[in-house]
Each structure stands twice: as C-alpha cells, then as structure tokens.
C-alpha cells in the first residue's frame, strides 16, 4: 500500500443473475483463479485483487448506452493484443454493442449478462 494511502483495493463485487456463469466468464477472460463458486456467490482472483459475483433475484444489466441515467461504473481491462482479446471475449460469450465511443482508444463489450466492460490496448495508455 502507498505510504499516504489509508486503503487499497481488495475486491469489487458485482450484482448478477448467474454468479457461477459470470465467474467462469471472467476467470477465463482474465486467466484468474476461481476461488469460490456457488449458486448465490462466486469469486475470481489474481492473488491480490478479486471480483465477486452476487446473485440478485430479477437482476437486469444496465442498458448500453443509457441516455436516461448517468453511467455508474464498468471494468476496463488492458490488453496486449486487441484482436486476440476481442476474439477470445466473443468466444467466451461477450458481444460487441453498436455504440463505440472510444474510437481506437478502447472497445466496449457486453459480458454474457449484458454488463459493459472495455478492452484497452496497452499502447493506448498514457
């Protein structure tokens, strides 16, 4: 932890309809270990940061884009090979929405439940 920090990011928890399915998708996408896999809650981790998935009855993904509400959050993933990352994302069940506000700086995808995430080419960081 940085000397002036009072906290460090340990985990992000996402609401979903299918924790097992979401953990399997993100585990495969990120190459992270699935630490916990149950119907109501599942978790993946790289050993320092984790993503948890909690089942919510009646869950529906946020629309993308949603002009009626402000964007709340989404996950960005740095990728070395954007074409390979896109192909793998699609093979795992992600879709590509028509609305792509990032140009060549990032590409928006929707996970299998419709939650947006972005793939950001490593070269685009600065």
N, C-alpha and C. Protein backbone atom coordinates (compact mmCIF):
# COMPACT_ATOMS: atom_id res chain seq x y z
N UNK A 1 0.85 -1.17 0.00
CA UNK A 1 0.00 0.00 0.00
C UNK A 1 0.90 1.24 0.00
N UNK A 2 0.49 2.25 -0.75
CA UNK A 2 1.25 3.50 -0.80
C UNK A 2 1.32 4.12 0.59
N UNK A 3 2.44 4.78 0.91
CA UNK A 3 2.62 5.34 2.26
C UNK A 3 1.51 6.30 2.69
N UNK A 4 0.95 7.07 1.76
CA UNK A 4 -0.09 8.03 2.14
C UNK A 4 -1.50 7.48 1.98
N UNK A 5 -1.64 6.22 1.57
CA UNK A 5 -2.96 5.61 1.38
C UNK A 5 -3.51 5.09 2.70
N UNK A 6 -4.81 5.18 2.84
CA UNK A 6 -5.46 4.59 4.01
C UNK A 6 -6.14 3.28 3.66
N UNK A 7 -6.17 2.95 2.36
CA UNK A 7 -6.81 1.71 1.92
C UNK A 7 -6.21 1.28 0.59
N UNK A 8 -6.42 0.02 0.26
CA UNK A 8 -6.05 -0.49 -1.05
C UNK A 8 -7.21 -1.32 -1.58
N UNK A 9 -7.37 -1.35 -2.89
CA UNK A 9 -8.48 -2.10 -3.47
C UNK A 9 -8.24 -3.59 -3.27
N UNK A 10 -9.17 -4.23 -2.63
CA UNK A 10 -9.09 -5.65 -2.35
C UNK A 10 -10.03 -6.42 -3.28
N UNK A 11 -11.25 -5.86 -3.48
CA UNK A 11 -12.26 -6.61 -4.21
C UNK A 11 -13.33 -5.69 -4.76
N UNK A 12 -13.86 -6.08 -5.89
CA UNK A 12 -15.03 -5.44 -6.47
C UNK A 12 -16.12 -6.51 -6.50
N UNK A 13 -17.32 -6.17 -6.08
CA UNK A 13 -18.44 -7.11 -6.11
C UNK A 13 -19.47 -6.62 -7.10
N UNK A 14 -19.93 -7.51 -7.96
CA UNK A 14 -20.91 -7.17 -8.98
C UNK A 14 -22.19 -7.97 -8.78
N UNK A 15 -23.32 -7.29 -8.87
CA UNK A 15 -24.61 -7.96 -8.85
C UNK A 15 -24.80 -8.68 -10.18
N UNK A 16 -25.49 -9.82 -10.15
CA UNK A 16 -25.73 -10.56 -11.38
C UNK A 16 -26.84 -11.58 -11.17
N UNK A 17 -27.25 -12.22 -12.25
CA UNK A 17 -28.26 -13.27 -12.18
C UNK A 17 -27.63 -14.65 -11.99
N UNK A 18 -26.40 -14.83 -12.52
CA UNK A 18 -25.75 -16.15 -12.52
C UNK A 18 -24.30 -16.03 -12.07
N UNK A 19 -24.06 -16.06 -10.75
CA UNK A 19 -22.69 -15.93 -10.25
C UNK A 19 -21.72 -16.97 -10.82
N UNK A 20 -22.15 -18.21 -10.95
CA UNK A 20 -21.27 -19.25 -11.49
C UNK A 20 -20.86 -18.90 -12.93
N UNK A 21 -21.83 -18.50 -13.73
CA UNK A 21 -21.56 -18.17 -15.12
C UNK A 21 -20.66 -16.96 -15.27
N UNK A 22 -20.91 -15.94 -14.45
CA UNK A 22 -20.09 -14.73 -14.52
C UNK A 22 -18.67 -15.00 -14.04
N UNK A 23 -18.52 -15.80 -12.99
CA UNK A 23 -17.18 -16.15 -12.51
C UNK A 23 -16.43 -16.96 -13.57
N UNK A 24 -17.12 -17.88 -14.22
CA UNK A 24 -16.47 -18.68 -15.26
C UNK A 24 -16.03 -17.79 -16.41
N UNK A 25 -16.86 -16.83 -16.83
CA UNK A 25 -16.52 -15.93 -17.92
C UNK A 25 -15.29 -15.09 -17.57
N UNK A 26 -15.32 -14.41 -16.42
CA UNK A 26 -14.21 -13.53 -16.06
C UNK A 26 -12.95 -14.32 -15.68
N UNK A 27 -13.09 -15.50 -15.14
CA UNK A 27 -11.93 -16.34 -14.86
C UNK A 27 -11.21 -16.68 -16.16
N UNK A 28 -11.97 -17.06 -17.18
CA UNK A 28 -11.37 -17.40 -18.47
C UNK A 28 -10.82 -16.16 -19.18
N UNK A 29 -11.54 -15.06 -19.11
CA UNK A 29 -11.10 -13.83 -19.78
C UNK A 29 -9.79 -13.31 -19.19
N UNK A 30 -9.71 -13.31 -17.86
CA UNK A 30 -8.56 -12.74 -17.17
C UNK A 30 -7.46 -13.75 -16.83
N UNK A 31 -7.78 -15.03 -16.93
CA UNK A 31 -6.82 -16.04 -16.51
C UNK A 31 -6.68 -16.10 -15.00
N UNK A 32 -7.72 -15.68 -14.29
CA UNK A 32 -7.70 -15.67 -12.83
C UNK A 32 -8.29 -16.97 -12.29
N UNK A 33 -7.88 -17.30 -11.08
CA UNK A 33 -8.37 -18.49 -10.41
C UNK A 33 -9.78 -18.26 -9.87
N UNK A 34 -10.63 -19.27 -9.98
CA UNK A 34 -11.95 -19.20 -9.37
C UNK A 34 -11.80 -19.70 -7.94
N UNK A 35 -11.90 -18.80 -6.98
CA UNK A 35 -11.70 -19.14 -5.57
C UNK A 35 -12.94 -19.72 -4.91
N UNK A 36 -14.09 -19.32 -5.41
CA UNK A 36 -15.34 -19.72 -4.76
C UNK A 36 -16.39 -19.79 -5.85
N UNK A 37 -17.19 -20.84 -5.86
CA UNK A 37 -18.18 -21.00 -6.93
C UNK A 37 -19.44 -21.66 -6.39
N UNK A 38 -20.42 -20.85 -6.11
CA UNK A 38 -21.71 -21.32 -5.61
C UNK A 38 -22.82 -20.62 -6.41
N UNK A 39 -24.05 -21.09 -6.25
CA UNK A 39 -25.17 -20.50 -6.97
C UNK A 39 -25.43 -19.05 -6.57
N UNK A 40 -25.24 -18.72 -5.30
CA UNK A 40 -25.55 -17.37 -4.83
C UNK A 40 -24.36 -16.42 -4.85
N UNK A 41 -23.15 -16.95 -4.83
CA UNK A 41 -21.97 -16.09 -4.82
C UNK A 41 -20.77 -16.84 -5.37
N UNK A 42 -20.00 -16.18 -6.21
CA UNK A 42 -18.77 -16.75 -6.76
C UNK A 42 -17.70 -15.68 -6.78
N UNK A 43 -16.43 -16.08 -6.84
CA UNK A 43 -15.33 -15.12 -6.79
C UNK A 43 -14.15 -15.61 -7.63
N UNK A 44 -13.52 -14.64 -8.33
CA UNK A 44 -12.27 -14.91 -9.05
C UNK A 44 -11.21 -13.97 -8.50
N UNK A 45 -9.93 -14.38 -8.63
CA UNK A 45 -8.86 -13.57 -8.08
C UNK A 45 -7.55 -13.82 -8.81
N UNK A 46 -6.70 -12.80 -8.80
CA UNK A 46 -5.34 -12.95 -9.32
C UNK A 46 -4.34 -13.07 -8.16
N UNK A 47 -4.84 -13.16 -6.95
CA UNK A 47 -3.99 -13.27 -5.77
C UNK A 47 -3.86 -11.97 -5.00
N UNK A 48 -4.17 -10.85 -5.64
CA UNK A 48 -4.12 -9.58 -4.91
C UNK A 48 -5.43 -8.81 -5.01
N UNK A 49 -6.13 -8.96 -6.10
CA UNK A 49 -7.42 -8.30 -6.30
C UNK A 49 -8.43 -9.36 -6.71
N UNK A 50 -9.67 -9.20 -6.28
CA UNK A 50 -10.71 -10.17 -6.58
C UNK A 50 -11.94 -9.48 -7.15
N UNK A 51 -12.71 -10.25 -7.91
CA UNK A 51 -14.03 -9.81 -8.36
C UNK A 51 -15.02 -10.85 -7.85
N UNK A 52 -16.02 -10.39 -7.12
CA UNK A 52 -17.07 -11.26 -6.62
C UNK A 52 -18.35 -11.04 -7.40
N UNK A 53 -19.18 -12.06 -7.48
CA UNK A 53 -20.43 -12.01 -8.22
C UNK A 53 -21.54 -12.52 -7.31
N UNK A 54 -22.47 -11.64 -6.97
CA UNK A 54 -23.56 -12.00 -6.07
C UNK A 54 -24.89 -12.04 -6.80
N UNK A 55 -25.63 -13.12 -6.59
CA UNK A 55 -26.92 -13.30 -7.27
C UNK A 55 -27.96 -12.36 -6.68
N UNK A 56 -28.65 -11.67 -7.58
CA UNK A 56 -29.76 -10.80 -7.22
C UNK A 56 -30.97 -11.28 -8.00
N UNK A 57 -32.04 -11.66 -7.31
CA UNK A 57 -33.26 -12.07 -7.99
C UNK A 57 -33.77 -10.93 -8.86
N UNK A 58 -34.11 -11.23 -10.10
CA UNK A 58 -34.64 -10.23 -11.01
C UNK A 58 -33.59 -9.29 -11.58
N UNK A 59 -32.31 -9.63 -11.44
CA UNK A 59 -31.26 -8.75 -11.94
C UNK A 59 -31.41 -8.51 -13.44
N UNK A 60 -31.23 -7.28 -13.84
CA UNK A 60 -31.15 -6.94 -15.25
C UNK A 60 -29.92 -6.04 -15.42
N UNK A 61 -29.20 -6.27 -16.49
CA UNK A 61 -27.99 -5.49 -16.76
C UNK A 61 -28.36 -4.06 -17.12
N UNK A 62 -27.46 -3.12 -16.88
CA UNK A 62 -27.73 -1.75 -17.28
C UNK A 62 -27.76 -1.65 -18.80
N UNK A 63 -28.64 -0.83 -19.36
CA UNK A 63 -28.65 -0.69 -20.81
C UNK A 63 -27.39 0.04 -21.28
N UNK A 64 -26.96 -0.29 -22.49
CA UNK A 64 -25.79 0.39 -23.06
C UNK A 64 -26.11 0.78 -24.49
N UNK A 65 -26.01 2.05 -24.84
CA UNK A 65 -25.88 3.18 -23.91
C UNK A 65 -27.21 3.49 -23.25
N UNK A 66 -27.18 4.23 -22.17
CA UNK A 66 -28.40 4.60 -21.45
C UNK A 66 -28.43 6.12 -21.32
N UNK A 67 -29.19 6.75 -22.16
CA UNK A 67 -29.25 8.22 -22.15
C UNK A 67 -30.12 8.76 -21.02
N UNK A 68 -30.90 7.89 -20.37
CA UNK A 68 -31.78 8.35 -19.29
C UNK A 68 -31.09 8.41 -17.94
N UNK A 69 -29.98 7.69 -17.78
CA UNK A 69 -29.29 7.65 -16.49
C UNK A 69 -27.80 7.85 -16.68
N UNK A 70 -27.17 8.41 -15.69
CA UNK A 70 -25.71 8.56 -15.73
C UNK A 70 -25.06 7.20 -15.63
N UNK A 71 -23.93 7.04 -16.29
CA UNK A 71 -23.18 5.78 -16.21
C UNK A 71 -22.69 5.62 -14.77
N UNK A 72 -22.80 4.42 -14.23
CA UNK A 72 -22.37 4.19 -12.87
C UNK A 72 -20.92 3.72 -12.82
N UNK A 73 -20.60 2.63 -13.45
CA UNK A 73 -19.23 2.11 -13.47
C UNK A 73 -19.16 1.00 -14.50
N UNK A 74 -17.95 0.66 -14.88
CA UNK A 74 -17.69 -0.52 -15.70
C UNK A 74 -16.23 -0.90 -15.48
N UNK A 75 -15.84 -2.05 -15.95
CA UNK A 75 -14.47 -2.52 -15.78
C UNK A 75 -13.69 -2.28 -17.06
N UNK A 76 -12.45 -1.82 -16.95
CA UNK A 76 -11.53 -1.67 -18.07
C UNK A 76 -10.41 -2.68 -17.91
N UNK A 77 -10.08 -3.36 -19.01
CA UNK A 77 -9.01 -4.35 -18.98
C UNK A 77 -7.96 -3.98 -20.03
N UNK A 78 -6.71 -3.89 -19.61
CA UNK A 78 -5.60 -3.61 -20.52
C UNK A 78 -5.28 -4.90 -21.28
N UNK A 79 -5.08 -4.79 -22.60
CA UNK A 79 -4.77 -5.96 -23.42
C UNK A 79 -3.57 -5.66 -24.30
N UNK A 80 -2.71 -6.65 -24.45
CA UNK A 80 -1.53 -6.52 -25.31
C UNK A 80 -1.89 -6.71 -26.78
N UNK A 81 -2.81 -7.61 -27.08
CA UNK A 81 -3.21 -7.92 -28.45
C UNK A 81 -4.72 -7.72 -28.57
N UNK A 82 -5.17 -6.53 -28.98
CA UNK A 82 -6.61 -6.24 -29.04
C UNK A 82 -7.41 -7.21 -29.91
N UNK A 83 -6.88 -7.61 -31.06
CA UNK A 83 -7.62 -8.52 -31.94
C UNK A 83 -7.81 -9.88 -31.27
N UNK A 84 -6.76 -10.38 -30.65
CA UNK A 84 -6.87 -11.68 -29.97
C UNK A 84 -7.80 -11.57 -28.76
N UNK A 85 -7.73 -10.47 -28.01
CA UNK A 85 -8.59 -10.27 -26.85
C UNK A 85 -10.05 -10.17 -27.27
N UNK A 86 -10.31 -9.50 -28.39
CA UNK A 86 -11.69 -9.41 -28.89
C UNK A 86 -12.20 -10.78 -29.29
N UNK A 87 -11.40 -11.54 -30.01
CA UNK A 87 -11.82 -12.88 -30.43
C UNK A 87 -12.11 -13.77 -29.23
N UNK A 88 -11.22 -13.74 -28.25
CA UNK A 88 -11.42 -14.55 -27.05
C UNK A 88 -12.67 -14.11 -26.29
N UNK A 89 -12.86 -12.81 -26.14
CA UNK A 89 -14.05 -12.29 -25.46
C UNK A 89 -15.32 -12.81 -26.12
N UNK A 90 -15.35 -12.75 -27.45
CA UNK A 90 -16.53 -13.24 -28.18
C UNK A 90 -16.71 -14.75 -28.02
N UNK A 91 -15.62 -15.50 -28.07
CA UNK A 91 -15.70 -16.95 -27.88
C UNK A 91 -16.27 -17.31 -26.51
N UNK A 92 -15.96 -16.47 -25.52
CA UNK A 92 -16.44 -16.72 -24.16
C UNK A 92 -17.87 -16.26 -23.94
N UNK A 93 -18.45 -15.55 -24.92
CA UNK A 93 -19.85 -15.15 -24.81
C UNK A 93 -20.10 -13.66 -24.76
N UNK A 94 -19.06 -12.84 -24.86
CA UNK A 94 -19.26 -11.39 -24.89
C UNK A 94 -19.79 -10.96 -26.25
N UNK A 95 -20.48 -9.85 -26.27
CA UNK A 95 -20.98 -9.28 -27.52
C UNK A 95 -20.42 -7.87 -27.66
N UNK A 96 -20.49 -7.35 -28.87
CA UNK A 96 -19.99 -6.01 -29.16
C UNK A 96 -21.18 -5.13 -29.50
N UNK A 97 -21.47 -4.13 -28.66
CA UNK A 97 -22.59 -3.24 -28.97
C UNK A 97 -22.23 -2.30 -30.12
N UNK A 98 -23.24 -1.78 -30.75
CA UNK A 98 -23.02 -0.86 -31.87
C UNK A 98 -22.36 0.43 -31.40
N UNK A 99 -22.79 0.97 -30.27
CA UNK A 99 -22.26 2.24 -29.76
C UNK A 99 -20.85 2.03 -29.23
N UNK A 100 -19.87 2.68 -29.85
CA UNK A 100 -18.46 2.55 -29.50
C UNK A 100 -17.85 3.95 -29.38
N UNK A 101 -17.91 4.57 -28.20
CA UNK A 101 -17.46 5.95 -28.05
C UNK A 101 -15.95 6.13 -28.00
N UNK A 102 -15.16 5.08 -27.94
CA UNK A 102 -13.72 5.21 -27.73
C UNK A 102 -12.87 5.31 -28.96
N UNK A 103 -13.47 5.17 -30.14
CA UNK A 103 -12.66 5.16 -31.35
C UNK A 103 -11.67 4.02 -31.27
N UNK A 104 -10.38 4.28 -31.57
CA UNK A 104 -9.38 3.22 -31.48
C UNK A 104 -8.68 3.19 -30.12
N UNK A 105 -9.16 4.02 -29.17
CA UNK A 105 -8.54 4.06 -27.84
C UNK A 105 -9.02 2.94 -26.93
N UNK A 106 -10.26 2.48 -27.11
CA UNK A 106 -10.78 1.34 -26.37
C UNK A 106 -11.98 0.80 -27.11
N UNK A 107 -12.39 -0.41 -26.76
CA UNK A 107 -13.54 -1.06 -27.39
C UNK A 107 -14.46 -1.56 -26.29
N UNK A 108 -15.74 -1.23 -26.42
CA UNK A 108 -16.75 -1.64 -25.43
C UNK A 108 -17.29 -3.02 -25.81
N UNK A 109 -17.44 -3.87 -24.80
CA UNK A 109 -18.06 -5.19 -24.95
C UNK A 109 -19.14 -5.31 -23.89
N UNK A 110 -20.02 -6.26 -24.08
CA UNK A 110 -21.02 -6.61 -23.07
C UNK A 110 -20.76 -8.04 -22.65
N UNK A 111 -20.63 -8.27 -21.34
CA UNK A 111 -20.41 -9.63 -20.87
C UNK A 111 -21.67 -10.47 -21.11
N UNK A 112 -21.65 -11.77 -20.83
CA UNK A 112 -22.81 -12.61 -21.15
C UNK A 112 -24.12 -12.18 -20.50
N UNK A 113 -24.07 -11.37 -19.45
CA UNK A 113 -25.31 -10.85 -18.85
C UNK A 113 -25.63 -9.44 -19.32
N UNK A 114 -24.77 -8.86 -20.18
CA UNK A 114 -25.05 -7.55 -20.73
C UNK A 114 -24.38 -6.39 -20.04
N UNK A 115 -23.50 -6.65 -19.08
CA UNK A 115 -22.78 -5.60 -18.35
C UNK A 115 -21.62 -5.12 -19.21
N UNK A 116 -21.48 -3.79 -19.42
CA UNK A 116 -20.38 -3.31 -20.25
C UNK A 116 -19.01 -3.45 -19.57
N UNK A 117 -18.01 -3.74 -20.39
CA UNK A 117 -16.61 -3.68 -19.99
C UNK A 117 -15.82 -3.22 -21.21
N UNK A 118 -14.63 -2.71 -20.99
CA UNK A 118 -13.82 -2.21 -22.09
C UNK A 118 -12.49 -2.93 -22.16
N UNK A 119 -12.04 -3.15 -23.39
CA UNK A 119 -10.69 -3.64 -23.64
C UNK A 119 -9.88 -2.45 -24.14
N UNK A 120 -8.79 -2.17 -23.43
CA UNK A 120 -7.95 -1.01 -23.72
C UNK A 120 -6.59 -1.48 -24.19
N UNK A 121 -6.22 -1.18 -25.44
CA UNK A 121 -4.89 -1.60 -25.90
C UNK A 121 -3.80 -0.99 -25.04
N UNK A 122 -2.81 -1.78 -24.68
CA UNK A 122 -1.71 -1.29 -23.84
C UNK A 122 -1.05 -0.08 -24.45
N UNK A 123 -0.96 -0.02 -25.76
CA UNK A 123 -0.34 1.13 -26.43
C UNK A 123 -1.15 2.41 -26.26
N UNK A 124 -2.45 2.30 -25.92
CA UNK A 124 -3.31 3.47 -25.79
C UNK A 124 -3.14 4.17 -24.44
N UNK A 125 -2.47 3.52 -23.51
CA UNK A 125 -2.30 4.11 -22.18
C UNK A 125 -1.30 5.26 -22.23
N UNK A 126 -1.65 6.31 -21.58
CA UNK A 126 -0.70 7.42 -21.40
C UNK A 126 -1.28 8.46 -20.49
